[in-house]
């Protein structure tokens, strides 16, 4: 998918996309998966170890690859939802231009830095 896709709100006779319950359900699922990952694998069971430590002890390379892969998947999903939200809501309410995929990545990364995952 390129930055100049027709998904920027300028497509011919197609009605403008809106925020729907299905969109909100998908966004909620992304939030649950992200927070669930944090809670399930990164919260300490006792004062010294987290569940991810057990996985790392058993298969360190696979654990690192899995965590990195999950991070990439969650980042990609966040970008898709941010672009869709921007196109469906922000452009109508605030009359701003649609954003590109690169701008969506930058916004997700900046928000993650300031607010956290």
N, C-alpha and C. Protein backbone atom coordinates (compact mmCIF):
# COMPACT_ATOMS: atom_id res chain seq x y z
N UNK A 1 0.84 -1.17 0.00
CA UNK A 1 0.00 0.00 0.00
C UNK A 1 0.89 1.24 0.00
N UNK A 2 0.67 2.15 -0.92
CA UNK A 2 1.51 3.33 -1.00
C UNK A 2 0.84 4.49 -0.30
N UNK A 3 1.62 5.57 -0.13
CA UNK A 3 1.09 6.75 0.54
C UNK A 3 0.05 7.46 -0.29
N UNK A 4 -0.01 7.18 -1.59
CA UNK A 4 -0.93 7.89 -2.46
C UNK A 4 -2.15 7.05 -2.81
N UNK A 5 -2.51 6.09 -1.97
CA UNK A 5 -3.67 5.24 -2.22
C UNK A 5 -4.93 6.08 -2.25
N UNK A 6 -5.96 5.50 -2.87
CA UNK A 6 -7.24 6.19 -2.94
C UNK A 6 -7.94 6.25 -1.59
N UNK A 7 -7.38 5.64 -0.56
CA UNK A 7 -7.99 5.62 0.75
C UNK A 7 -7.82 6.90 1.53
N UNK A 8 -7.53 8.01 0.85
CA UNK A 8 -7.31 9.26 1.55
C UNK A 8 -8.55 10.15 1.58
N UNK A 9 -9.70 9.59 1.24
CA UNK A 9 -10.93 10.37 1.32
C UNK A 9 -11.27 11.10 0.04
N UNK A 10 -10.49 10.94 -1.04
CA UNK A 10 -10.75 11.64 -2.27
C UNK A 10 -11.29 10.72 -3.36
N UNK A 11 -11.81 9.59 -3.01
CA UNK A 11 -12.29 8.64 -4.01
C UNK A 11 -13.61 9.12 -4.58
N UNK A 12 -13.78 8.98 -5.88
CA UNK A 12 -14.92 9.37 -6.70
C UNK A 12 -16.25 9.55 -6.01
N UNK A 13 -17.18 8.64 -6.26
CA UNK A 13 -18.54 8.77 -5.76
C UNK A 13 -18.77 8.05 -4.45
N UNK A 14 -17.73 7.50 -3.89
CA UNK A 14 -17.88 6.75 -2.64
C UNK A 14 -18.19 7.72 -1.50
N UNK A 15 -19.17 7.37 -0.65
CA UNK A 15 -19.47 8.26 0.49
C UNK A 15 -18.29 8.26 1.47
N UNK A 16 -18.13 9.34 2.21
CA UNK A 16 -17.01 9.39 3.16
C UNK A 16 -17.14 8.31 4.22
N UNK A 17 -16.00 7.75 4.59
CA UNK A 17 -15.99 6.73 5.64
C UNK A 17 -16.30 7.39 6.98
N UNK A 18 -16.97 6.66 7.83
CA UNK A 18 -17.35 7.16 9.15
C UNK A 18 -16.85 6.19 10.22
N UNK A 19 -16.79 6.69 11.43
CA UNK A 19 -16.47 5.84 12.57
C UNK A 19 -17.70 4.97 12.84
N UNK A 20 -17.51 3.66 12.83
CA UNK A 20 -18.63 2.74 13.03
C UNK A 20 -18.38 1.92 14.30
N UNK A 21 -19.41 1.16 14.69
CA UNK A 21 -19.25 0.27 15.85
C UNK A 21 -18.22 -0.80 15.55
N UNK A 22 -18.15 -1.26 14.30
CA UNK A 22 -17.15 -2.26 13.94
C UNK A 22 -15.73 -1.70 14.06
N UNK A 23 -15.55 -0.46 13.63
CA UNK A 23 -14.25 0.21 13.79
C UNK A 23 -13.89 0.29 15.27
N UNK A 24 -14.84 0.71 16.11
CA UNK A 24 -14.59 0.81 17.55
C UNK A 24 -14.30 -0.55 18.17
N UNK A 25 -14.97 -1.58 17.69
CA UNK A 25 -14.72 -2.93 18.19
C UNK A 25 -13.30 -3.37 17.84
N UNK A 26 -12.87 -3.10 16.63
CA UNK A 26 -11.50 -3.43 16.24
C UNK A 26 -10.47 -2.65 17.04
N UNK A 27 -10.73 -1.39 17.27
CA UNK A 27 -9.83 -0.57 18.08
C UNK A 27 -9.77 -1.07 19.51
N UNK A 28 -10.91 -1.46 20.05
CA UNK A 28 -10.95 -2.02 21.40
C UNK A 28 -10.15 -3.33 21.47
N UNK A 29 -10.29 -4.17 20.44
CA UNK A 29 -9.54 -5.43 20.38
C UNK A 29 -8.04 -5.16 20.36
N UNK A 30 -7.61 -4.16 19.60
CA UNK A 30 -6.19 -3.79 19.58
C UNK A 30 -5.73 -3.35 20.97
N UNK A 31 -6.54 -2.57 21.66
CA UNK A 31 -6.21 -2.12 23.00
C UNK A 31 -6.11 -3.29 23.97
N UNK A 32 -7.06 -4.22 23.89
CA UNK A 32 -7.04 -5.38 24.78
C UNK A 32 -5.81 -6.24 24.53
N UNK A 33 -5.48 -6.47 23.27
CA UNK A 33 -4.30 -7.28 22.95
C UNK A 33 -3.03 -6.60 23.45
N UNK A 34 -2.92 -5.31 23.22
CA UNK A 34 -1.73 -4.57 23.65
C UNK A 34 -1.60 -4.57 25.17
N UNK A 35 -2.67 -4.23 25.86
CA UNK A 35 -2.61 -4.21 27.33
C UNK A 35 -2.51 -5.61 27.91
N UNK A 36 -3.17 -6.57 27.26
CA UNK A 36 -3.08 -7.96 27.71
C UNK A 36 -1.68 -8.51 27.59
N UNK A 37 -1.01 -8.18 26.52
CA UNK A 37 0.39 -8.60 26.35
C UNK A 37 1.24 -8.02 27.47
N UNK A 38 1.05 -6.76 27.74
CA UNK A 38 1.81 -6.10 28.80
C UNK A 38 1.52 -6.74 30.15
N UNK A 39 0.26 -6.97 30.44
CA UNK A 39 -0.14 -7.53 31.74
C UNK A 39 0.28 -8.99 31.89
N UNK A 40 0.08 -9.76 30.82
CA UNK A 40 0.30 -11.20 30.91
C UNK A 40 1.79 -11.57 30.94
N UNK A 41 2.60 -10.91 30.14
CA UNK A 41 3.99 -11.32 30.02
C UNK A 41 4.99 -10.44 30.75
N UNK A 42 4.62 -9.21 31.02
CA UNK A 42 5.61 -8.28 31.57
C UNK A 42 5.38 -7.89 33.02
N UNK A 43 4.27 -8.28 33.60
CA UNK A 43 4.03 -7.98 35.01
C UNK A 43 4.69 -9.06 35.86
N UNK A 44 5.44 -8.68 36.87
CA UNK A 44 6.14 -9.68 37.68
C UNK A 44 5.18 -10.57 38.48
N UNK A 45 5.51 -11.86 38.50
CA UNK A 45 4.76 -12.79 39.34
C UNK A 45 5.23 -12.66 40.78
N UNK A 46 6.48 -12.44 40.94
CA UNK A 46 7.05 -12.13 42.25
C UNK A 46 7.95 -10.92 42.04
N UNK A 47 8.81 -10.63 42.96
CA UNK A 47 9.60 -9.40 42.85
C UNK A 47 10.78 -9.53 41.89
N UNK A 48 11.05 -10.72 41.38
CA UNK A 48 12.25 -10.89 40.57
C UNK A 48 12.02 -11.29 39.12
N UNK A 49 10.96 -12.01 38.81
CA UNK A 49 10.79 -12.56 37.48
C UNK A 49 9.42 -12.21 36.88
N UNK A 50 9.40 -12.12 35.57
CA UNK A 50 8.15 -11.96 34.84
C UNK A 50 7.95 -13.21 33.99
N UNK A 51 6.72 -13.51 33.56
CA UNK A 51 6.49 -14.72 32.77
C UNK A 51 7.35 -14.81 31.51
N UNK A 52 7.69 -13.68 30.94
CA UNK A 52 8.52 -13.69 29.74
C UNK A 52 9.91 -14.27 30.03
N UNK A 53 10.37 -14.17 31.27
CA UNK A 53 11.67 -14.75 31.64
C UNK A 53 11.69 -16.26 31.43
N UNK A 54 10.59 -16.94 31.75
CA UNK A 54 10.52 -18.39 31.57
C UNK A 54 10.62 -18.75 30.09
N UNK A 55 9.92 -17.99 29.25
CA UNK A 55 10.01 -18.23 27.81
C UNK A 55 11.42 -17.98 27.31
N UNK A 56 12.04 -16.92 27.80
CA UNK A 56 13.39 -16.58 27.37
C UNK A 56 14.38 -17.65 27.80
N UNK A 57 14.22 -18.17 28.99
CA UNK A 57 15.12 -19.23 29.47
C UNK A 57 15.00 -20.49 28.60
N UNK A 58 13.78 -20.81 28.16
CA UNK A 58 13.57 -22.02 27.37
C UNK A 58 14.04 -21.86 25.92
N UNK A 59 13.79 -20.72 25.31
CA UNK A 59 14.16 -20.50 23.90
C UNK A 59 14.42 -19.02 23.67
N UNK A 60 15.62 -18.56 23.95
CA UNK A 60 15.90 -17.12 23.89
C UNK A 60 15.72 -16.49 22.50
N UNK A 61 16.21 -17.15 21.46
CA UNK A 61 16.12 -16.57 20.12
C UNK A 61 14.66 -16.49 19.67
N UNK A 62 13.91 -17.57 19.89
CA UNK A 62 12.49 -17.55 19.52
C UNK A 62 11.72 -16.51 20.32
N UNK A 63 12.04 -16.35 21.57
CA UNK A 63 11.34 -15.36 22.39
C UNK A 63 11.62 -13.95 21.89
N UNK A 64 12.88 -13.66 21.60
CA UNK A 64 13.22 -12.32 21.08
C UNK A 64 12.53 -12.08 19.75
N UNK A 65 12.57 -13.08 18.86
CA UNK A 65 11.92 -12.95 17.55
C UNK A 65 10.41 -12.79 17.71
N UNK A 66 9.82 -13.55 18.62
CA UNK A 66 8.38 -13.45 18.84
C UNK A 66 7.96 -12.11 19.38
N UNK A 67 8.71 -11.59 20.34
CA UNK A 67 8.38 -10.28 20.92
C UNK A 67 8.57 -9.18 19.88
N UNK A 68 9.65 -9.28 19.10
CA UNK A 68 9.88 -8.29 18.05
C UNK A 68 8.77 -8.37 17.00
N UNK A 69 8.39 -9.59 16.61
CA UNK A 69 7.32 -9.75 15.63
C UNK A 69 5.99 -9.22 16.14
N UNK A 70 5.68 -9.51 17.40
CA UNK A 70 4.45 -8.99 17.98
C UNK A 70 4.47 -7.46 18.03
N UNK A 71 5.63 -6.91 18.34
CA UNK A 71 5.76 -5.45 18.34
C UNK A 71 5.49 -4.84 16.98
N UNK A 72 6.02 -5.48 15.95
CA UNK A 72 5.79 -4.99 14.58
C UNK A 72 4.31 -5.10 14.21
N UNK A 73 3.68 -6.21 14.56
CA UNK A 73 2.25 -6.41 14.26
C UNK A 73 1.41 -5.36 15.00
N UNK A 74 1.70 -5.13 16.27
CA UNK A 74 0.94 -4.13 17.04
C UNK A 74 1.17 -2.72 16.50
N UNK A 75 2.39 -2.41 16.09
CA UNK A 75 2.68 -1.11 15.50
C UNK A 75 1.92 -0.94 14.19
N UNK A 76 1.92 -1.97 13.35
CA UNK A 76 1.21 -1.90 12.08
C UNK A 76 -0.30 -1.73 12.30
N UNK A 77 -0.85 -2.47 13.25
CA UNK A 77 -2.28 -2.34 13.54
C UNK A 77 -2.60 -0.94 14.07
N UNK A 78 -1.73 -0.41 14.90
CA UNK A 78 -1.94 0.95 15.42
C UNK A 78 -1.93 1.97 14.30
N UNK A 79 -1.03 1.79 13.35
CA UNK A 79 -0.94 2.72 12.22
C UNK A 79 -2.20 2.65 11.36
N UNK A 80 -2.68 1.44 11.10
CA UNK A 80 -3.89 1.27 10.30
C UNK A 80 -5.07 1.97 10.99
N UNK A 81 -5.21 1.76 12.29
CA UNK A 81 -6.32 2.38 13.01
C UNK A 81 -6.16 3.90 13.10
N UNK A 82 -4.95 4.38 13.28
CA UNK A 82 -4.75 5.84 13.34
C UNK A 82 -5.11 6.48 12.01
N UNK A 83 -4.66 5.90 10.90
CA UNK A 83 -4.99 6.47 9.59
C UNK A 83 -6.49 6.44 9.35
N UNK A 84 -7.13 5.33 9.70
CA UNK A 84 -8.58 5.23 9.50
C UNK A 84 -9.31 6.24 10.37
N UNK A 85 -8.91 6.36 11.63
CA UNK A 85 -9.53 7.34 12.53
C UNK A 85 -9.35 8.74 11.97
N UNK A 86 -8.15 9.05 11.54
CA UNK A 86 -7.87 10.39 11.01
C UNK A 86 -8.75 10.67 9.79
N UNK A 87 -8.81 9.70 8.88
CA UNK A 87 -9.57 9.88 7.65
C UNK A 87 -11.07 9.96 7.93
N UNK A 88 -11.56 9.16 8.88
CA UNK A 88 -13.00 9.09 9.13
C UNK A 88 -13.51 10.18 10.06
N UNK A 89 -12.67 10.71 10.93
CA UNK A 89 -13.15 11.64 11.95
C UNK A 89 -12.46 13.00 11.87
N UNK A 90 -11.15 12.99 11.96
CA UNK A 90 -10.41 14.25 12.07
C UNK A 90 -10.59 15.15 10.84
N UNK A 91 -10.58 14.56 9.64
CA UNK A 91 -10.70 15.39 8.44
C UNK A 91 -12.06 16.06 8.34
N UNK A 92 -13.10 15.44 8.88
CA UNK A 92 -14.43 16.05 8.84
C UNK A 92 -14.61 17.10 9.94
N UNK A 93 -14.17 16.79 11.13
CA UNK A 93 -14.40 17.67 12.26
C UNK A 93 -13.51 18.91 12.20
N UNK A 94 -12.23 18.73 11.90
CA UNK A 94 -11.29 19.84 11.96
C UNK A 94 -10.85 20.35 10.60
N UNK A 95 -11.37 19.76 9.52
CA UNK A 95 -11.04 20.18 8.15
C UNK A 95 -9.53 20.21 7.91
N UNK A 96 -8.88 19.14 8.30
CA UNK A 96 -7.45 18.98 8.03
C UNK A 96 -7.28 17.95 6.92
N UNK A 97 -6.13 17.93 6.31
CA UNK A 97 -5.87 17.00 5.22
C UNK A 97 -5.67 15.58 5.76
N UNK A 98 -5.92 14.57 4.92
CA UNK A 98 -5.61 13.20 5.32
C UNK A 98 -4.10 13.04 5.54
N UNK A 99 -3.71 12.06 6.34
CA UNK A 99 -2.29 11.85 6.61
C UNK A 99 -1.79 10.64 5.82
N UNK A 100 -0.48 10.62 5.62
CA UNK A 100 0.16 9.50 4.93
C UNK A 100 0.53 8.43 5.95
N UNK A 101 0.94 7.27 5.44
CA UNK A 101 1.37 6.18 6.33
C UNK A 101 2.58 6.61 7.16
N UNK A 102 3.52 7.33 6.56
CA UNK A 102 4.71 7.78 7.30
C UNK A 102 4.33 8.74 8.43
N UNK A 103 3.36 9.60 8.18
CA UNK A 103 2.90 10.51 9.23
C UNK A 103 2.18 9.75 10.33
N UNK A 104 1.45 8.71 9.97
CA UNK A 104 0.78 7.88 10.98
C UNK A 104 1.80 7.18 11.86
N UNK A 105 2.88 6.67 11.25
CA UNK A 105 3.95 6.03 12.03
C UNK A 105 4.54 7.03 13.01
N UNK A 106 4.83 8.23 12.53
CA UNK A 106 5.42 9.25 13.40
C UNK A 106 4.50 9.59 14.57
N UNK A 107 3.20 9.71 14.31
CA UNK A 107 2.25 10.04 15.38
C UNK A 107 2.19 8.91 16.40
N UNK A 108 2.12 7.66 15.93
CA UNK A 108 2.07 6.52 16.86
C UNK A 108 3.33 6.48 17.71
N UNK A 109 4.49 6.67 17.10
CA UNK A 109 5.74 6.61 17.86
C UNK A 109 5.86 7.76 18.87
N UNK A 110 5.47 8.95 18.46
CA UNK A 110 5.53 10.09 19.38
C UNK A 110 4.57 9.90 20.55
N UNK A 111 3.35 9.45 20.26
CA UNK A 111 2.39 9.21 21.34
C UNK A 111 2.87 8.10 22.28
N UNK A 112 3.50 7.07 21.72
CA UNK A 112 4.03 6.00 22.56
C UNK A 112 5.14 6.51 23.46
N UNK A 113 5.99 7.40 22.93
CA UNK A 113 7.05 7.98 23.75
C UNK A 113 6.50 8.79 24.91
N UNK A 114 5.47 9.58 24.64
CA UNK A 114 4.93 10.48 25.65
C UNK A 114 3.95 9.81 26.61
N UNK A 115 3.13 8.90 26.09
CA UNK A 115 2.06 8.33 26.88
C UNK A 115 2.39 6.91 27.35
N UNK A 116 3.13 6.17 26.55
CA UNK A 116 3.44 4.78 26.85
C UNK A 116 2.59 3.86 26.02
N UNK A 117 2.90 2.57 26.03
CA UNK A 117 2.16 1.62 25.18
C UNK A 117 0.74 1.38 25.67
